[in-house]
Amino acid sequence: MPQLNPTPWFAILAFSWLVFLTVIPPKVMAHTFPNTPTSKSTEKPKATTWNWPWH
């Protein structure tokens, strides 16, 4: 039964992890955000109360 022979499957597993750990992370980390984040002001906006009739 060839599926019990670990030789080709271990090589495929090792090669796939080698690709995952060396090729893919630089490609993922090369992506940049289209908009640069801006800092928010530290002032809190003035909260207005609601004048809704609740009954």
PDB file of N, CA and C in Angstrom:
ATOM      1  N   MET A   1       0.847  -1.169   0.000  1.00  0.00           N
ATOM      2  CA  MET A   1       0.000   0.000   0.000  1.00  0.00           C
ATOM      3  C   MET A   1       0.902   1.244   0.000  1.00  0.00           C
ATOM      4  N   PRO A   2       0.880   2.032  -1.073  1.00  0.00           N
ATOM      5  CA  PRO A   2       1.825   3.144  -1.176  1.00  0.00           C
ATOM      6  C   PRO A   2       1.535   4.295  -0.215  1.00  0.00           C
ATOM      7  N   GLN A   3       0.308   4.430   0.269  1.00  0.00           N
ATOM      8  CA  GLN A   3       0.023   5.546   1.162  1.00  0.00           C
ATOM      9  C   GLN A   3       0.667   5.364   2.537  1.00  0.00           C
ATOM     10  N   LEU A   4       1.142   4.186   2.846  1.00  0.00           N
ATOM     11  CA  LEU A   4       1.820   3.959   4.111  1.00  0.00           C
ATOM     12  C   LEU A   4       3.318   4.249   4.036  1.00  0.00           C
ATOM     13  N   ASN A   5       3.831   4.495   2.836  1.00  0.00           N
ATOM     14  CA  ASN A   5       5.238   4.829   2.672  1.00  0.00           C
ATOM     15  C   ASN A   5       5.413   6.307   3.009  1.00  0.00           C
ATOM     16  N   PRO A   6       6.114   6.665   4.095  1.00  0.00           N
ATOM     17  CA  PRO A   6       6.197   8.064   4.504  1.00  0.00           C
ATOM     18  C   PRO A   6       7.196   8.911   3.717  1.00  0.00           C
ATOM     19  N   THR A   7       7.981   8.295   2.878  1.00  0.00           N
ATOM     20  CA  THR A   7       9.049   9.035   2.224  1.00  0.00           C
ATOM     21  C   THR A   7       8.544  10.169   1.331  1.00  0.00           C
ATOM     22  N   PRO A   8       7.657   9.939   0.353  1.00  0.00           N
ATOM     23  CA  PRO A   8       7.257  11.081  -0.472  1.00  0.00           C
ATOM     24  C   PRO A   8       6.373  12.069   0.286  1.00  0.00           C
ATOM     25  N   TRP A   9       5.566  11.587   1.210  1.00  0.00           N
ATOM     26  CA  TRP A   9       4.655  12.488   1.918  1.00  0.00           C
ATOM     27  C   TRP A   9       5.392  13.383   2.890  1.00  0.00           C
ATOM     28  N   PHE A  10       6.441  12.871   3.515  1.00  0.00           N
ATOM     29  CA  PHE A  10       7.223  13.727   4.403  1.00  0.00           C
ATOM     30  C   PHE A  10       7.977  14.790   3.617  1.00  0.00           C
ATOM     31  N   ALA A  11       8.472  14.428   2.444  1.00  0.00           N
ATOM     32  CA  ALA A  11       9.167  15.411   1.605  1.00  0.00           C
ATOM     33  C   ALA A  11       8.193  16.505   1.151  1.00  0.00           C
ATOM     34  N   ILE A  12       6.981  16.123   0.788  1.00  0.00           N
ATOM     35  CA  ILE A  12       5.969  17.105   0.384  1.00  0.00           C
ATOM     36  C   ILE A  12       5.615  17.998   1.565  1.00  0.00           C
ATOM     37  N   LEU A  13       5.454  17.415   2.744  1.00  0.00           N
ATOM     38  CA  LEU A  13       5.150  18.200   3.936  1.00  0.00           C
ATOM     39  C   LEU A  13       6.278  19.176   4.255  1.00  0.00           C
ATOM     40  N   ALA A  14       7.496  18.710   4.227  1.00  0.00           N
ATOM     41  CA  ALA A  14       8.635  19.565   4.545  1.00  0.00           C
ATOM     42  C   ALA A  14       8.786  20.687   3.516  1.00  0.00           C
ATOM     43  N   PHE A  15       8.592  20.372   2.244  1.00  0.00           N
ATOM     44  CA  PHE A  15       8.720  21.396   1.211  1.00  0.00           C
ATOM     45  C   PHE A  15       7.599  22.422   1.306  1.00  0.00           C
ATOM     46  N   SER A  16       6.398  21.969   1.610  1.00  0.00           N
ATOM     47  CA  SER A  16       5.290  22.923   1.719  1.00  0.00           C
ATOM     48  C   SER A  16       5.500  23.859   2.912  1.00  0.00           C
ATOM     49  N   TRP A  17       5.997  23.345   4.044  1.00  0.00           N
ATOM     50  CA  TRP A  17       6.276  24.225   5.181  1.00  0.00           C
ATOM     51  C   TRP A  17       7.438  25.163   4.879  1.00  0.00           C
ATOM     52  N   LEU A  18       8.386  24.693   4.110  1.00  0.00           N
ATOM     53  CA  LEU A  18       9.481  25.566   3.700  1.00  0.00           C
ATOM     54  C   LEU A  18       8.945  26.726   2.865  1.00  0.00           C
ATOM     55  N   VAL A  19       8.007  26.437   1.970  1.00  0.00           N
ATOM     56  CA  VAL A  19       7.401  27.497   1.161  1.00  0.00           C
ATOM     57  C   VAL A  19       6.589  28.424   2.048  1.00  0.00           C
ATOM     58  N   PHE A  20       5.802  27.860   2.956  1.00  0.00           N
ATOM     59  CA  PHE A  20       4.970  28.685   3.826  1.00  0.00           C
ATOM     60  C   PHE A  20       5.799  29.624   4.690  1.00  0.00           C
ATOM     61  N   LEU A  21       6.935  29.153   5.166  1.00  0.00           N
ATOM     62  CA  LEU A  21       7.720  29.948   6.110  1.00  0.00           C
ATOM     63  C   LEU A  21       8.736  30.878   5.450  1.00  0.00           C
ATOM     64  N   THR A  22       9.054  30.682   4.172  1.00  0.00           N
ATOM     65  CA  THR A  22      10.065  31.529   3.552  1.00  0.00           C
ATOM     66  C   THR A  22       9.528  32.400   2.421  1.00  0.00           C
ATOM     67  N   VAL A  23       8.554  31.935   1.682  1.00  0.00           N
ATOM     68  CA  VAL A  23       8.086  32.669   0.511  1.00  0.00           C
ATOM     69  C   VAL A  23       6.868  33.526   0.833  1.00  0.00           C
ATOM     70  N   ILE A  24       5.925  32.983   1.547  1.00  0.00           N
ATOM     71  CA  ILE A  24       4.651  33.675   1.751  1.00  0.00           C
ATOM     72  C   ILE A  24       4.744  34.851   2.736  1.00  0.00           C
ATOM     73  N   PRO A  25       5.426  34.769   3.894  1.00  0.00           N
ATOM     74  CA  PRO A  25       5.450  35.919   4.811  1.00  0.00           C
ATOM     75  C   PRO A  25       5.986  37.217   4.214  1.00  0.00           C
ATOM     76  N   PRO A  26       7.062  37.233   3.437  1.00  0.00           N
ATOM     77  CA  PRO A  26       7.467  38.516   2.841  1.00  0.00           C
ATOM     78  C   PRO A  26       6.417  39.082   1.883  1.00  0.00           C
ATOM     79  N   LYS A  27       5.717  38.211   1.165  1.00  0.00           N
ATOM     80  CA  LYS A  27       4.682  38.699   0.259  1.00  0.00           C
ATOM     81  C   LYS A  27       3.519  39.300   1.034  1.00  0.00           C
ATOM     82  N   VAL A  28       3.168  38.697   2.152  1.00  0.00           N
ATOM     83  CA  VAL A  28       2.067  39.232   2.956  1.00  0.00           C
ATOM     84  C   VAL A  28       2.484  40.534   3.627  1.00  0.00           C
ATOM     85  N   MET A  29       3.695  40.588   4.143  1.00  0.00           N
ATOM     86  CA  MET A  29       4.148  41.780   4.848  1.00  0.00           C
ATOM     87  C   MET A  29       4.429  42.942   3.895  1.00  0.00           C
ATOM     88  N   ALA A  30       4.529  42.692   2.598  1.00  0.00           N
ATOM     89  CA  ALA A  30       4.795  43.762   1.641  1.00  0.00           C
ATOM     90  C   ALA A  30       3.548  44.588   1.354  1.00  0.00           C
ATOM     91  N   HIS A  31       2.379  44.095   1.736  1.00  0.00           N
ATOM     92  CA  HIS A  31       1.158  44.852   1.501  1.00  0.00           C
ATOM     93  C   HIS A  31       1.128  46.071   2.409  1.00  0.00           C
ATOM     94  N   THR A  32       0.662  47.175   1.856  1.00  0.00           N
ATOM     95  CA  THR A  32       0.558  48.393   2.628  1.00  0.00           C
ATOM     96  C   THR A  32      -0.889  48.856   2.632  1.00  0.00           C
ATOM     97  N   PHE A  33      -1.224  49.658   3.614  1.00  0.00           N
ATOM     98  CA  PHE A  33      -2.558  50.212   3.696  1.00  0.00           C
ATOM     99  C   PHE A  33      -2.673  51.380   2.716  1.00  0.00           C
ATOM    100  N   PRO A  34      -3.799  51.531   2.039  1.00  0.00           N
ATOM    101  CA  PRO A  34      -3.926  52.635   1.084  1.00  0.00           C
ATOM    102  C   PRO A  34      -4.010  54.006   1.764  1.00  0.00           C
ATOM    103  N   ASN A  35      -4.495  54.059   2.975  1.00  0.00           N
ATOM    104  CA  ASN A  35      -4.634  55.331   3.686  1.00  0.00           C
ATOM    105  C   ASN A  35      -3.740  55.323   4.912  1.00  0.00           C
ATOM    106  N   THR A  36      -3.016  56.404   5.103  1.00  0.00           N
ATOM    107  CA  THR A  36      -2.193  56.489   6.297  1.00  0.00           C
ATOM    108  C   THR A  36      -3.075  56.875   7.478  1.00  0.00           C
ATOM    109  N   PRO A  37      -2.880  56.288   8.619  1.00  0.00           N
ATOM    110  CA  PRO A  37      -3.723  56.617   9.771  1.00  0.00           C
ATOM    111  C   PRO A  37      -3.426  58.027  10.277  1.00  0.00           C
ATOM    112  N   THR A  38      -4.478  58.716  10.667  1.00  0.00           N
ATOM    113  CA  THR A  38      -4.322  60.057  11.213  1.00  0.00           C
ATOM    114  C   THR A  38      -4.628  60.015  12.697  1.00  0.00           C
ATOM    115  N   SER A  39      -3.957  60.868  13.434  1.00  0.00           N
ATOM    116  CA  SER A  39      -4.191  60.886  14.873  1.00  0.00           C
ATOM    117  C   SER A  39      -5.469  61.655  15.168  1.00  0.00           C
ATOM    118  N   LYS A  40      -6.230  61.160  16.122  1.00  0.00           N
ATOM    119  CA  LYS A  40      -7.467  61.813  16.514  1.00  0.00           C
ATOM    120  C   LYS A  40      -7.167  62.892  17.550  1.00  0.00           C
ATOM    121  N   SER A  41      -8.046  63.863  17.610  1.00  0.00           N
ATOM    122  CA  SER A  41      -7.863  64.910  18.605  1.00  0.00           C
ATOM    123  C   SER A  41      -8.215  64.352  19.985  1.00  0.00           C
ATOM    124  N   THR A  42      -7.611  64.936  20.987  1.00  0.00           N
ATOM    125  CA  THR A  42      -7.858  64.461  22.348  1.00  0.00           C
ATOM    126  C   THR A  42      -9.095  65.102  22.958  1.00  0.00           C
ATOM    127  N   GLU A  43      -9.664  66.101  22.285  1.00  0.00           N
ATOM    128  CA  GLU A  43     -10.862  66.744  22.815  1.00  0.00           C
ATOM    129  C   GLU A  43     -12.069  65.841  22.621  1.00  0.00           C
ATOM    130  N   LYS A  44     -12.884  65.766  23.646  1.00  0.00           N
ATOM    131  CA  LYS A  44     -14.102  64.985  23.540  1.00  0.00           C
ATOM    132  C   LYS A  44     -15.203  65.866  22.947  1.00  0.00           C
ATOM    133  N   PRO A  45     -15.994  65.329  22.045  1.00  0.00           N
ATOM    134  CA  PRO A  45     -17.074  66.139  21.496  1.00  0.00           C
ATOM    135  C   PRO A  45     -18.134  66.415  22.563  1.00  0.00           C
ATOM    136  N   LYS A  46     -18.756  67.564  22.452  1.00  0.00           N
ATOM    137  CA  LYS A  46     -19.773  67.935  23.431  1.00  0.00           C
ATOM    138  C   LYS A  46     -21.015  67.080  23.208  1.00  0.00           C
ATOM    139  N   ALA A  47     -21.459  66.417  24.251  1.00  0.00           N
ATOM    140  CA  ALA A  47     -22.623  65.556  24.152  1.00  0.00           C
ATOM    141  C   ALA A  47     -23.881  66.389  24.362  1.00  0.00           C
ATOM    142  N   THR A  48     -24.827  66.222  23.481  1.00  0.00           N
ATOM    143  CA  THR A  48     -26.103  66.929  23.631  1.00  0.00           C
ATOM    144  C   THR A  48     -27.156  65.944  24.111  1.00  0.00           C
ATOM    145  N   THR A  49     -28.051  66.402  24.925  1.00  0.00           N
ATOM    146  CA  THR A  49     -29.098  65.518  25.438  1.00  0.00           C
ATOM    147  C   THR A  49     -30.236  65.431  24.436  1.00  0.00           C
ATOM    148  N   TRP A  50     -30.933  64.320  24.489  1.00  0.00           N
ATOM    149  CA  TRP A  50     -32.075  64.128  23.602  1.00  0.00           C
ATOM    150  C   TRP A  50     -33.336  64.623  24.312  1.00  0.00           C
ATOM    151  N   ASN A  51     -34.140  65.318  23.583  1.00  0.00           N
ATOM    152  CA  ASN A  51     -35.404  65.814  24.120  1.00  0.00           C
ATOM    153  C   ASN A  51     -36.576  65.029  23.551  1.00  0.00           C
ATOM    154  N   TRP A  52     -36.500  63.734  23.630  1.00  0.00           N
ATOM    155  CA  TRP A  52     -37.557  62.898  23.074  1.00  0.00           C
ATOM    156  C   TRP A  52     -38.590  62.603  24.139  1.00  0.00           C
ATOM    157  N   PRO A  53     -39.859  62.672  23.793  1.00  0.00           N
ATOM    158  CA  PRO A  53     -40.888  62.244  24.750  1.00  0.00           C
ATOM    159  C   PRO A  53     -40.936  60.716  24.794  1.00  0.00           C
ATOM    160  N   TRP A  54     -40.708  60.147  25.953  1.00  0.00           N
ATOM    161  CA  TRP A  54     -40.658  58.689  26.073  1.00  0.00           C
ATOM    162  C   TRP A  54     -41.982  58.089  26.480  1.00  0.00           C
ATOM    163  N   HIS A  55     -43.023  58.857  26.697  1.00  0.00           N
ATOM    164  CA  HIS A  55     -44.306  58.270  27.080  1.00  0.00           C
ATOM    165  C   HIS A  55     -45.403  58.724  26.167  1.00  0.00           C
TER     166      HIS A  55
END
